[in-house]
Amino acid sequence: MAEKQRSDEGRERWSQRVTEGSDALDLEGGVFTWKDPARIARSLKRSAESSDRRKSTPYRSAMSMLTFYVNRAGRELDADQRKVLERTKDELRKQFGRA
């Protein structure tokens, strides 16, 4: 059986396009590179609550975008930044009253 070969370059462009140009949320530039989980969570929350294009609740939209970014970054995500983003999930839960 022949397997379909996928270009890493194509996938990077696709995920980068989604992260940077999501139609659901207007993200601040570089939000996922910040070092403060509370600041990242506030920004995601603000973006999700102000969006009139999202298809889900603000909480789900913010958490989905964060999870998407972490999953798509995969091995390329620095271990320290991965920890920051994982703590951001907890911070999002707190800010949305779900902790």
C-alpha atoms as a PDB file:
ATOM      1  CA  MET A   1       0.000   0.000   0.000  1.00  0.00           C
ATOM      2  CA  ALA A   2       1.221   3.439  -0.814  1.00  0.00           C
ATOM      3  CA  GLU A   3       1.100   5.946   2.013  1.00  0.00           C
ATOM      4  CA  LYS A   4       0.296   9.562   1.432  1.00  0.00           C
ATOM      5  CA  GLN A   5       3.305  11.698   2.179  1.00  0.00           C
ATOM      6  CA  ARG A   6       2.663  14.949   3.930  1.00  0.00           C
ATOM      7  CA  SER A   7       4.964  17.885   3.875  1.00  0.00           C
ATOM      8  CA  ASP A   8       5.880  19.258   7.298  1.00  0.00           C
ATOM      9  CA  GLU A   9       5.999  22.639   5.641  1.00  0.00           C
ATOM     10  CA  GLY A  10       2.358  22.384   4.584  1.00  0.00           C
ATOM     11  CA  ARG A  11       1.206  21.493   8.066  1.00  0.00           C
ATOM     12  CA  GLU A  12       3.205  24.312   9.624  1.00  0.00           C
ATOM     13  CA  ARG A  13       1.646  26.803   7.277  1.00  0.00           C
ATOM     14  CA  TRP A  14      -1.823  25.460   8.005  1.00  0.00           C
ATOM     15  CA  SER A  15      -1.512  25.621  11.793  1.00  0.00           C
ATOM     16  CA  GLN A  16       0.268  28.952  11.696  1.00  0.00           C
ATOM     17  CA  ARG A  17      -2.517  30.332   9.516  1.00  0.00           C
ATOM     18  CA  VAL A  18      -5.145  29.119  11.995  1.00  0.00           C
ATOM     19  CA  THR A  19      -3.261  30.466  15.012  1.00  0.00           C
ATOM     20  CA  GLU A  20      -2.536  33.858  13.500  1.00  0.00           C
ATOM     21  CA  GLY A  21      -5.685  34.356  11.499  1.00  0.00           C
ATOM     22  CA  SER A  22      -8.396  32.552  13.387  1.00  0.00           C
ATOM     23  CA  ASP A  23     -11.775  33.824  12.333  1.00  0.00           C
ATOM     24  CA  ALA A  24     -13.185  33.084  15.771  1.00  0.00           C
ATOM     25  CA  LEU A  25     -10.788  35.078  17.948  1.00  0.00           C
ATOM     26  CA  ASP A  26      -8.670  38.160  17.414  1.00  0.00           C
ATOM     27  CA  LEU A  27      -5.521  37.219  19.304  1.00  0.00           C
ATOM     28  CA  GLU A  28      -2.890  39.669  20.456  1.00  0.00           C
ATOM     29  CA  GLY A  29       0.397  39.230  18.639  1.00  0.00           C
ATOM     30  CA  GLY A  30       2.759  36.797  20.321  1.00  0.00           C
ATOM     31  CA  VAL A  31       0.259  35.900  23.041  1.00  0.00           C
ATOM     32  CA  PHE A  32       1.499  32.299  23.222  1.00  0.00           C
ATOM     33  CA  THR A  33       5.118  33.405  23.731  1.00  0.00           C
ATOM     34  CA  TRP A  34       4.421  35.426  26.878  1.00  0.00           C
ATOM     35  CA  LYS A  35       5.793  34.100  30.175  1.00  0.00           C
ATOM     36  CA  ASP A  36       2.891  35.058  32.484  1.00  0.00           C
ATOM     37  CA  PRO A  37      -0.002  32.527  32.499  1.00  0.00           C
ATOM     38  CA  ALA A  38      -2.408  35.064  34.044  1.00  0.00           C
ATOM     39  CA  ARG A  39      -1.648  37.607  31.323  1.00  0.00           C
ATOM     40  CA  ILE A  40      -2.121  35.021  28.563  1.00  0.00           C
ATOM     41  CA  ALA A  41      -5.408  33.883  30.126  1.00  0.00           C
ATOM     42  CA  ARG A  42      -6.678  37.478  30.430  1.00  0.00           C
ATOM     43  CA  SER A  43      -5.862  38.108  26.786  1.00  0.00           C
ATOM     44  CA  LEU A  44      -7.556  34.896  25.609  1.00  0.00           C
ATOM     45  CA  LYS A  45     -10.587  35.630  27.777  1.00  0.00           C
ATOM     46  CA  ARG A  46     -10.851  39.189  26.478  1.00  0.00           C
ATOM     47  CA  SER A  47     -10.553  37.991  22.872  1.00  0.00           C
ATOM     48  CA  ALA A  48     -13.156  35.261  23.331  1.00  0.00           C
ATOM     49  CA  GLU A  49     -15.648  37.485  25.111  1.00  0.00           C
ATOM     50  CA  SER A  50     -15.367  40.275  22.562  1.00  0.00           C
ATOM     51  CA  SER A  51     -15.675  38.014  19.519  1.00  0.00           C
ATOM     52  CA  ASP A  52     -18.983  37.912  17.721  1.00  0.00           C
ATOM     53  CA  ARG A  53     -17.729  35.237  15.307  1.00  0.00           C
ATOM     54  CA  ARG A  54     -17.114  32.367  17.710  1.00  0.00           C
ATOM     55  CA  LYS A  55     -19.417  29.369  17.561  1.00  0.00           C
ATOM     56  CA  SER A  56     -19.126  28.283  21.176  1.00  0.00           C
ATOM     57  CA  THR A  57     -19.012  29.828  24.638  1.00  0.00           C
ATOM     58  CA  PRO A  58     -16.145  32.229  25.386  1.00  0.00           C
ATOM     59  CA  TYR A  59     -14.605  29.696  27.787  1.00  0.00           C
ATOM     60  CA  ARG A  60     -14.631  26.880  25.240  1.00  0.00           C
ATOM     61  CA  SER A  61     -13.311  29.123  22.477  1.00  0.00           C
ATOM     62  CA  ALA A  62     -10.416  30.389  24.595  1.00  0.00           C
ATOM     63  CA  MET A  63      -9.518  26.936  25.891  1.00  0.00           C
ATOM     64  CA  SER A  64      -9.801  25.411  22.436  1.00  0.00           C
ATOM     65  CA  MET A  65      -7.445  27.950  20.912  1.00  0.00           C
ATOM     66  CA  LEU A  66      -4.909  27.400  23.690  1.00  0.00           C
ATOM     67  CA  THR A  67      -5.118  23.612  23.421  1.00  0.00           C
ATOM     68  CA  PHE A  68      -4.899  23.804  19.642  1.00  0.00           C
ATOM     69  CA  TYR A  69      -1.720  25.852  19.865  1.00  0.00           C
ATOM     70  CA  VAL A  70      -0.077  23.493  22.384  1.00  0.00           C
ATOM     71  CA  ASN A  71      -1.004  20.415  20.341  1.00  0.00           C
ATOM     72  CA  ARG A  72       0.093  21.887  17.032  1.00  0.00           C
ATOM     73  CA  ALA A  73       3.410  23.156  18.389  1.00  0.00           C
ATOM     74  CA  GLY A  74       4.246  19.603  19.429  1.00  0.00           C
ATOM     75  CA  ARG A  75       7.940  18.876  19.893  1.00  0.00           C
ATOM     76  CA  GLU A  76       8.857  22.320  18.641  1.00  0.00           C
ATOM     77  CA  LEU A  77       7.441  23.944  21.782  1.00  0.00           C
ATOM     78  CA  ASP A  78      10.107  24.761  24.341  1.00  0.00           C
ATOM     79  CA  ALA A  79       9.601  22.773  27.581  1.00  0.00           C
ATOM     80  CA  ASP A  80       9.515  25.920  29.721  1.00  0.00           C
ATOM     81  CA  GLN A  81       6.919  27.564  27.473  1.00  0.00           C
ATOM     82  CA  ARG A  82       4.846  24.366  27.457  1.00  0.00           C
ATOM     83  CA  LYS A  83       4.731  24.574  31.280  1.00  0.00           C
ATOM     84  CA  VAL A  84       3.632  28.210  31.066  1.00  0.00           C
ATOM     85  CA  LEU A  85       0.844  27.297  28.637  1.00  0.00           C
ATOM     86  CA  GLU A  86      -0.280  24.346  30.760  1.00  0.00           C
ATOM     87  CA  ARG A  87      -0.513  26.686  33.774  1.00  0.00           C
ATOM     88  CA  THR A  88      -2.482  29.053  31.545  1.00  0.00           C
ATOM     89  CA  LYS A  89      -5.196  26.391  31.252  1.00  0.00           C
ATOM     90  CA  ASP A  90      -5.607  26.414  35.029  1.00  0.00           C
ATOM     91  CA  GLU A  91      -5.632  30.210  35.024  1.00  0.00           C
ATOM     92  CA  LEU A  92      -8.322  30.272  32.320  1.00  0.00           C
ATOM     93  CA  ARG A  93     -10.478  27.963  34.435  1.00  0.00           C
ATOM     94  CA  LYS A  94     -10.093  30.339  37.387  1.00  0.00           C
ATOM     95  CA  GLN A  95     -10.853  33.451  35.359  1.00  0.00           C
ATOM     96  CA  PHE A  96     -13.986  31.862  33.928  1.00  0.00           C
ATOM     97  CA  GLY A  97     -15.076  30.590  37.362  1.00  0.00           C
ATOM     98  CA  ARG A  98     -14.603  26.937  36.497  1.00  0.00           C
ATOM     99  CA  ALA A  99     -11.810  26.033  38.892  1.00  0.00           C
END
